[in-house]
Amino acid sequence: MDYEIKPTNRKDLRLYAKLFRSVCGVSQSEPIDPVALLDRLPDLEGFDGVRCEIVYNNALGGNVPARCLKDDDGYVIQIKEKVYLGAYERKIGGDRMHIIHEIMHVYLDKLGFKPIYSRQLREKLPPYRSLEWATMAIAGEVMMPYEFTVGMGTKELMSVYGVSKAAAEKRQKYELLT
């Protein structure tokens, strides 16, 4: 499921990723810790009203590791316990990416990337109009800043930035396209 948003592109999302790192007080080159960021979110400018809940592993359905919901008080990021523990205790790259992905849903919403329609779309959207594509793209840019990762191999990206092999390989693929 996806939502259609105003058009965007990877170049703009890279700029928004840099802005996000600045708001967080994280240098443009250093690794970012999504778990530590969860604790700091309510104190960051523009992120008041963001809450995090660690939920039972069966609370969100089998294929849903985490989700972000908007409510009257702001936003709630719900994360399955096994995903949170995977990111916190074992530093599992995929779990860390799930968490930053949900944080990016809040950030993009605050930047004005709001669904054009009030319903989810089942058909595949072109990437530049897809909320999920934009969220995944900016999450990757936040975790692996483009300018500082050019030329890095898969293992180096995984080691330095704490991402999964799949995320590191996807990052390398975009380098070949630009």
Protein backbone atom coordinates (compact mmCIF):
# COMPACT_ATOMS: atom_id res chain seq x y z
CA MET A 1 0.00 0.00 0.00
CA ASP A 2 1.17 3.48 -0.77
CA TYR A 3 0.04 7.08 -0.91
CA GLU A 4 0.49 9.53 -3.75
CA ILE A 5 2.39 12.71 -2.84
CA LYS A 6 3.58 15.82 -4.62
CA PRO A 7 6.46 15.04 -7.00
CA THR A 8 9.97 14.81 -5.56
CA ASN A 9 13.38 13.51 -6.57
CA ARG A 10 16.50 12.03 -5.01
CA LYS A 11 18.45 15.31 -5.29
CA ASP A 12 15.88 17.15 -3.18
CA LEU A 13 15.66 14.27 -0.71
CA ARG A 14 19.45 14.41 -0.26
CA LEU A 15 19.12 18.07 0.66
CA TYR A 16 16.32 17.28 3.13
CA ALA A 17 18.50 14.51 4.62
CA LYS A 18 21.28 17.04 5.24
CA LEU A 19 18.79 19.38 6.88
CA PHE A 20 17.53 16.54 9.08
CA ARG A 21 21.07 15.73 10.22
CA SER A 22 21.59 19.41 11.07
CA VAL A 23 18.37 19.54 13.10
CA CYS A 24 19.58 16.44 14.97
CA GLY A 25 22.99 17.97 15.65
CA VAL A 26 24.73 15.14 13.79
CA SER A 27 27.59 15.91 11.43
CA GLN A 28 27.01 15.22 7.76
CA SER A 29 29.50 12.34 7.73
CA GLU A 30 29.11 10.45 11.00
CA PRO A 31 26.87 7.41 11.48
CA ILE A 32 23.48 8.08 13.00
CA ASP A 33 21.95 5.86 15.68
CA PRO A 34 18.19 5.53 15.09
CA VAL A 35 17.56 4.08 18.57
CA ALA A 36 19.29 7.00 20.32
CA LEU A 37 17.45 9.35 17.98
CA LEU A 38 14.09 7.97 19.12
CA ASP A 39 14.87 9.16 22.65
CA ARG A 40 15.88 12.62 21.43
CA LEU A 41 13.04 13.21 18.95
CA PRO A 42 10.63 15.03 21.29
CA ASP A 43 13.42 17.50 22.18
CA LEU A 44 14.29 18.32 18.56
CA GLU A 45 12.85 21.42 16.95
CA GLY A 46 9.70 20.49 15.07
CA PHE A 47 9.38 17.02 16.57
CA ASP A 48 7.38 17.76 19.70
CA GLY A 49 4.33 15.53 19.79
CA VAL A 50 6.24 12.49 18.49
CA ARG A 51 5.95 9.46 20.74
CA CYS A 52 7.44 6.00 20.46
CA GLU A 53 5.83 2.77 21.62
CA ILE A 54 7.53 -0.61 21.71
CA VAL A 55 4.74 -3.11 21.05
CA TYR A 56 4.38 -6.87 21.30
CA ASN A 57 5.72 -8.77 18.31
CA ASN A 58 2.22 -9.85 17.25
CA ALA A 59 0.69 -6.37 17.55
CA LEU A 60 1.32 -5.12 14.02
CA GLY A 61 0.88 -8.17 11.84
CA GLY A 62 3.45 -10.52 10.41
CA ASN A 63 5.11 -8.35 7.78
CA VAL A 64 4.91 -5.00 9.59
CA PRO A 65 8.06 -4.35 11.67
CA ALA A 66 7.04 -0.81 12.64
CA ARG A 67 4.59 1.91 11.69
CA CYS A 68 3.94 5.59 12.12
CA LEU A 69 0.47 6.86 12.92
CA LYS A 70 -0.83 10.39 13.11
CA ASP A 71 -3.28 11.19 15.89
CA ASP A 72 -4.75 14.23 17.65
CA ASP A 73 -1.62 14.61 19.82
CA GLY A 74 0.92 14.33 17.00
CA TYR A 75 2.57 11.13 15.86
CA VAL A 76 3.16 7.73 17.40
CA ILE A 77 5.87 5.43 16.08
CA GLN A 78 5.11 1.82 17.00
CA ILE A 79 7.99 -0.64 16.79
CA LYS A 80 7.83 -4.37 17.35
CA GLU A 81 9.87 -5.40 20.37
CA LYS A 82 12.08 -7.76 18.34
CA VAL A 83 12.88 -4.95 15.87
CA TYR A 84 13.75 -2.51 18.65
CA LEU A 85 15.93 -5.09 20.42
CA GLY A 86 17.56 -6.06 17.12
CA ALA A 87 18.51 -2.43 16.52
CA TYR A 88 19.46 -1.69 20.13
CA GLU A 89 21.22 -4.84 21.33
CA ARG A 90 22.50 -6.46 18.16
CA LYS A 91 22.80 -3.38 15.92
CA ILE A 92 21.01 -5.24 13.11
CA GLY A 93 21.11 -3.01 10.04
CA GLY A 94 17.65 -3.88 8.74
CA ASP A 95 16.06 -3.16 12.11
CA ARG A 96 17.91 0.14 12.36
CA MET A 97 16.60 1.05 8.89
CA HIS A 98 13.01 0.20 9.87
CA ILE A 99 13.26 2.67 12.76
CA ILE A 100 14.78 5.51 10.72
CA HIS A 101 12.17 4.82 8.02
CA GLU A 102 9.34 5.52 10.48
CA ILE A 103 11.09 8.66 11.76
CA MET A 104 11.33 9.82 8.15
CA HIS A 105 7.56 9.42 7.75
CA VAL A 106 7.15 12.08 10.45
CA TYR A 107 9.82 14.30 8.90
CA LEU A 108 8.40 14.12 5.38
CA ASP A 109 4.91 14.85 6.69
CA LYS A 110 6.25 17.93 8.48
CA LEU A 111 7.97 19.00 5.24
CA GLY A 112 4.59 18.92 3.50
CA PHE A 113 4.77 15.54 1.78
CA LYS A 114 1.18 14.75 2.58
CA PRO A 115 -0.97 12.22 0.75
CA ILE A 116 -2.90 13.81 -2.11
CA TYR A 117 -5.78 11.38 -1.55
CA SER A 118 -7.13 10.26 1.80
CA ARG A 119 -6.99 6.62 0.79
CA GLN A 120 -4.20 4.15 0.25
CA LEU A 121 -3.51 3.16 -3.34
CA ARG A 122 -3.03 -0.44 -4.34
CA GLU A 123 -1.62 0.27 -7.78
CA LYS A 124 2.07 0.93 -8.21
CA LEU A 125 2.94 4.62 -8.30
CA PRO A 126 5.89 6.13 -10.16
CA PRO A 127 8.68 6.57 -7.58
CA TYR A 128 8.71 10.37 -7.75
CA ARG A 129 5.05 10.44 -6.56
CA SER A 130 5.24 7.59 -4.01
CA LEU A 131 5.31 8.31 -0.28
CA GLU A 132 6.93 4.94 0.42
CA TRP A 133 9.65 5.48 -2.19
CA ALA A 134 10.40 8.97 -0.82
CA THR A 135 10.51 7.63 2.74
CA MET A 136 12.83 4.76 1.82
CA ALA A 137 15.05 7.05 -0.24
CA ILE A 138 15.48 9.69 2.46
CA ALA A 139 16.02 7.01 5.11
CA GLY A 140 18.91 5.67 3.02
CA GLU A 141 20.31 9.17 2.52
CA VAL A 142 20.14 9.89 6.27
CA MET A 143 21.81 6.59 7.18
CA MET A 144 24.44 6.73 4.40
CA PRO A 145 25.17 10.35 3.38
CA TYR A 146 25.86 10.29 -0.35
CA GLU A 147 28.87 12.64 -0.48
CA PHE A 148 30.68 10.71 2.25
CA THR A 149 29.93 7.22 0.98
CA VAL A 150 30.91 7.53 -2.69
CA GLY A 151 33.26 4.68 -3.53
CA MET A 152 32.64 2.67 -0.36
CA GLY A 153 32.14 -1.07 -0.76
CA THR A 154 29.26 -3.06 0.67
CA LYS A 155 31.15 -4.30 3.72
CA GLU A 156 32.53 -0.85 4.49
CA LEU A 157 29.05 0.73 4.31
CA MET A 158 27.70 -2.00 6.59
CA SER A 159 30.54 -1.58 9.07
CA VAL A 160 30.76 2.22 9.17
CA TYR A 161 27.07 3.13 8.91
CA GLY A 162 25.43 0.08 10.50
CA VAL A 163 23.16 -0.78 7.59
CA SER A 164 22.12 -4.11 6.13
CA LYS A 165 23.78 -5.71 3.14
CA ALA A 166 20.65 -5.01 1.07
CA ALA A 167 20.70 -1.30 1.99
CA ALA A 168 24.42 -1.03 1.23
CA GLU A 169 23.97 -2.70 -2.15
CA LYS A 170 21.04 -0.43 -3.00
CA ARG A 171 23.17 2.61 -2.07
CA GLN A 172 25.91 1.41 -4.43
CA LYS A 173 23.38 0.91 -7.22
CA TYR A 174 22.36 4.59 -7.03
CA GLU A 175 26.00 5.63 -7.29
CA LEU A 176 26.21 3.87 -10.63
CA LEU A 177 23.11 5.71 -11.86
CA THR A 178 24.35 9.23 -11.08
